[in-house]
Amino acid sequence: MESSSSSAYEDKQLVCKECNREFVFTATEQQEYAAQGRRHPPGRCPSCLSARRVRLRREEPEKDEQRRSFPVTCAKCGLPAEVPFRPRPGRPALCRECYLAERR
């Protein structure tokens, strides 16, 4: 016996917002979208979606590039250092060694 939820879905013709070609949003895909909690149908056809993912992966900066460090003078030892946050005026910033020593 077929469940009533699978009969609620029917294949739909959609238009890709990038290439303007029609593509089929199948009943099975609609069920998968619903199971994942997605409320809106896809806006891109499978080939444009795949190309977009490849493009985004290429444009994504490496993890090392994502991390930004800021130059400071350590408030404790006075040596130049870099910290992984933007220092605020009036708040002391410590080099790694002084920070770790203070935490102990």
C-alpha atoms as a PDB file:
ATOM      1  CA  MET A   1       0.000   0.000   0.000  1.00  0.00           C
ATOM      2  CA  GLU A   2       1.377   3.385  -1.008  1.00  0.00           C
ATOM      3  CA  SER A   3       1.608   6.042   1.685  1.00  0.00           C
ATOM      4  CA  SER A   4      -0.484   9.170   1.292  1.00  0.00           C
ATOM      5  CA  SER A   5       2.585  11.420   1.647  1.00  0.00           C
ATOM      6  CA  SER A   6       4.186  10.137  -1.566  1.00  0.00           C
ATOM      7  CA  SER A   7       0.998  10.749  -3.564  1.00  0.00           C
ATOM      8  CA  ALA A   8       0.929  14.375  -2.381  1.00  0.00           C
ATOM      9  CA  TYR A   9       3.922  15.105  -4.609  1.00  0.00           C
ATOM     10  CA  GLU A  10       3.918  15.271  -8.386  1.00  0.00           C
ATOM     11  CA  ASP A  11       6.718  16.129 -10.797  1.00  0.00           C
ATOM     12  CA  LYS A  12       6.898  19.878 -11.460  1.00  0.00           C
ATOM     13  CA  GLN A  13       8.432  21.820 -14.310  1.00  0.00           C
ATOM     14  CA  LEU A  14      10.597  24.666 -12.993  1.00  0.00           C
ATOM     15  CA  VAL A  15      12.674  27.310 -14.768  1.00  0.00           C
ATOM     16  CA  CYS A  16      16.333  27.790 -13.820  1.00  0.00           C
ATOM     17  CA  LYS A  17      17.093  31.335 -12.689  1.00  0.00           C
ATOM     18  CA  GLU A  18      20.541  31.233 -14.322  1.00  0.00           C
ATOM     19  CA  CYS A  19      20.096  29.583 -17.711  1.00  0.00           C
ATOM     20  CA  ASN A  20      16.292  29.986 -18.046  1.00  0.00           C
ATOM     21  CA  ARG A  21      15.900  26.355 -19.121  1.00  0.00           C
ATOM     22  CA  GLU A  22      13.118  24.186 -17.793  1.00  0.00           C
ATOM     23  CA  PHE A  23      13.967  21.266 -15.520  1.00  0.00           C
ATOM     24  CA  VAL A  24      11.933  18.690 -13.632  1.00  0.00           C
ATOM     25  CA  PHE A  25      11.630  18.831  -9.853  1.00  0.00           C
ATOM     26  CA  THR A  26      10.615  15.224  -9.278  1.00  0.00           C
ATOM     27  CA  ALA A  27       8.218  13.971  -6.631  1.00  0.00           C
ATOM     28  CA  THR A  28      11.107  12.078  -5.018  1.00  0.00           C
ATOM     29  CA  GLU A  29      13.223  15.236  -4.866  1.00  0.00           C
ATOM     30  CA  GLN A  30      10.277  17.102  -3.348  1.00  0.00           C
ATOM     31  CA  GLN A  31       9.972  14.435  -0.645  1.00  0.00           C
ATOM     32  CA  GLU A  32      13.712  14.715   0.087  1.00  0.00           C
ATOM     33  CA  TYR A  33      13.437  18.510   0.317  1.00  0.00           C
ATOM     34  CA  ALA A  34      10.502  18.190   2.730  1.00  0.00           C
ATOM     35  CA  ALA A  35      12.387  15.625   4.847  1.00  0.00           C
ATOM     36  CA  GLN A  36      15.321  18.065   5.101  1.00  0.00           C
ATOM     37  CA  GLY A  37      13.001  20.872   6.179  1.00  0.00           C
ATOM     38  CA  ARG A  38      13.433  22.896   2.998  1.00  0.00           C
ATOM     39  CA  ARG A  39      10.376  24.939   2.119  1.00  0.00           C
ATOM     40  CA  HIS A  40      11.269  26.358  -1.277  1.00  0.00           C
ATOM     41  CA  PRO A  41      11.918  24.516  -4.552  1.00  0.00           C
ATOM     42  CA  PRO A  42      15.367  24.748  -6.152  1.00  0.00           C
ATOM     43  CA  GLY A  43      16.042  27.864  -8.184  1.00  0.00           C
ATOM     44  CA  ARG A  44      18.747  26.343 -10.370  1.00  0.00           C
ATOM     45  CA  CYS A  45      18.788  23.317 -12.625  1.00  0.00           C
ATOM     46  CA  PRO A  46      21.147  20.488 -11.614  1.00  0.00           C
ATOM     47  CA  SER A  47      23.855  21.520 -14.100  1.00  0.00           C
ATOM     48  CA  CYS A  48      23.851  25.194 -13.014  1.00  0.00           C
ATOM     49  CA  LEU A  49      23.784  24.158  -9.356  1.00  0.00           C
ATOM     50  CA  SER A  50      26.765  21.879  -9.881  1.00  0.00           C
ATOM     51  CA  ALA A  51      28.686  24.585 -11.765  1.00  0.00           C
ATOM     52  CA  ARG A  52      27.910  27.088  -8.992  1.00  0.00           C
ATOM     53  CA  ARG A  53      29.244  24.732  -6.318  1.00  0.00           C
ATOM     54  CA  VAL A  54      32.476  24.250  -8.266  1.00  0.00           C
ATOM     55  CA  ARG A  55      32.814  28.031  -8.738  1.00  0.00           C
ATOM     56  CA  LEU A  56      32.225  28.705  -5.032  1.00  0.00           C
ATOM     57  CA  ARG A  57      34.755  26.059  -4.009  1.00  0.00           C
ATOM     58  CA  ARG A  58      37.357  27.677  -6.245  1.00  0.00           C
ATOM     59  CA  GLU A  59      36.640  31.144  -4.858  1.00  0.00           C
ATOM     60  CA  GLU A  60      36.705  29.977  -1.225  1.00  0.00           C
ATOM     61  CA  PRO A  61      39.886  31.202   0.443  1.00  0.00           C
ATOM     62  CA  GLU A  62      42.147  28.708   2.138  1.00  0.00           C
ATOM     63  CA  LYS A  63      41.763  28.415   5.911  1.00  0.00           C
ATOM     64  CA  ASP A  64      45.103  30.154   6.458  1.00  0.00           C
ATOM     65  CA  GLU A  65      43.914  33.103   4.384  1.00  0.00           C
ATOM     66  CA  GLN A  66      40.661  33.330   6.344  1.00  0.00           C
ATOM     67  CA  ARG A  67      42.489  33.850   9.616  1.00  0.00           C
ATOM     68  CA  ARG A  68      43.527  37.393  10.104  1.00  0.00           C
ATOM     69  CA  SER A  69      45.973  38.611  12.683  1.00  0.00           C
ATOM     70  CA  PHE A  70      46.533  42.100  14.001  1.00  0.00           C
ATOM     71  CA  PRO A  71      49.846  43.620  15.093  1.00  0.00           C
ATOM     72  CA  VAL A  72      50.053  44.763  18.724  1.00  0.00           C
ATOM     73  CA  THR A  73      52.624  45.598  21.347  1.00  0.00           C
ATOM     74  CA  CYS A  74      52.294  43.263  24.307  1.00  0.00           C
ATOM     75  CA  ALA A  75      51.014  45.161  27.341  1.00  0.00           C
ATOM     76  CA  LYS A  76      53.081  42.991  29.691  1.00  0.00           C
ATOM     77  CA  CYS A  77      56.487  42.454  28.060  1.00  0.00           C
ATOM     78  CA  GLY A  78      56.429  45.261  25.466  1.00  0.00           C
ATOM     79  CA  LEU A  79      57.431  43.020  22.552  1.00  0.00           C
ATOM     80  CA  PRO A  80      55.693  43.245  19.180  1.00  0.00           C
ATOM     81  CA  ALA A  81      53.192  40.437  18.615  1.00  0.00           C
ATOM     82  CA  GLU A  82      50.195  39.449  16.516  1.00  0.00           C
ATOM     83  CA  VAL A  83      46.780  38.549  17.902  1.00  0.00           C
ATOM     84  CA  PRO A  84      43.831  36.801  16.172  1.00  0.00           C
ATOM     85  CA  PHE A  85      41.364  39.571  17.076  1.00  0.00           C
ATOM     86  CA  ARG A  86      41.017  43.287  16.466  1.00  0.00           C
ATOM     87  CA  PRO A  87      42.412  44.996  19.587  1.00  0.00           C
ATOM     88  CA  ARG A  88      40.169  47.578  21.221  1.00  0.00           C
ATOM     89  CA  PRO A  89      41.540  50.910  22.384  1.00  0.00           C
ATOM     90  CA  GLY A  90      42.050  51.000  26.130  1.00  0.00           C
ATOM     91  CA  ARG A  91      42.138  47.209  26.488  1.00  0.00           C
ATOM     92  CA  PRO A  92      45.508  45.536  26.922  1.00  0.00           C
ATOM     93  CA  ALA A  93      46.592  42.909  24.411  1.00  0.00           C
ATOM     94  CA  LEU A  94      49.133  40.267  25.343  1.00  0.00           C
ATOM     95  CA  CYS A  95      51.535  38.224  23.262  1.00  0.00           C
ATOM     96  CA  ARG A  96      50.936  34.481  23.266  1.00  0.00           C
ATOM     97  CA  GLU A  97      53.613  33.747  25.865  1.00  0.00           C
ATOM     98  CA  CYS A  98      52.355  36.355  28.334  1.00  0.00           C
ATOM     99  CA  TYR A  99      48.759  35.320  27.750  1.00  0.00           C
ATOM    100  CA  LEU A 100      49.539  31.660  28.459  1.00  0.00           C
ATOM    101  CA  ALA A 101      51.633  32.558  31.533  1.00  0.00           C
ATOM    102  CA  GLU A 102      48.780  34.656  32.907  1.00  0.00           C
ATOM    103  CA  ARG A 103      46.243  31.859  32.405  1.00  0.00           C
ATOM    104  CA  ARG A 104      48.239  29.447  34.613  1.00  0.00           C
END
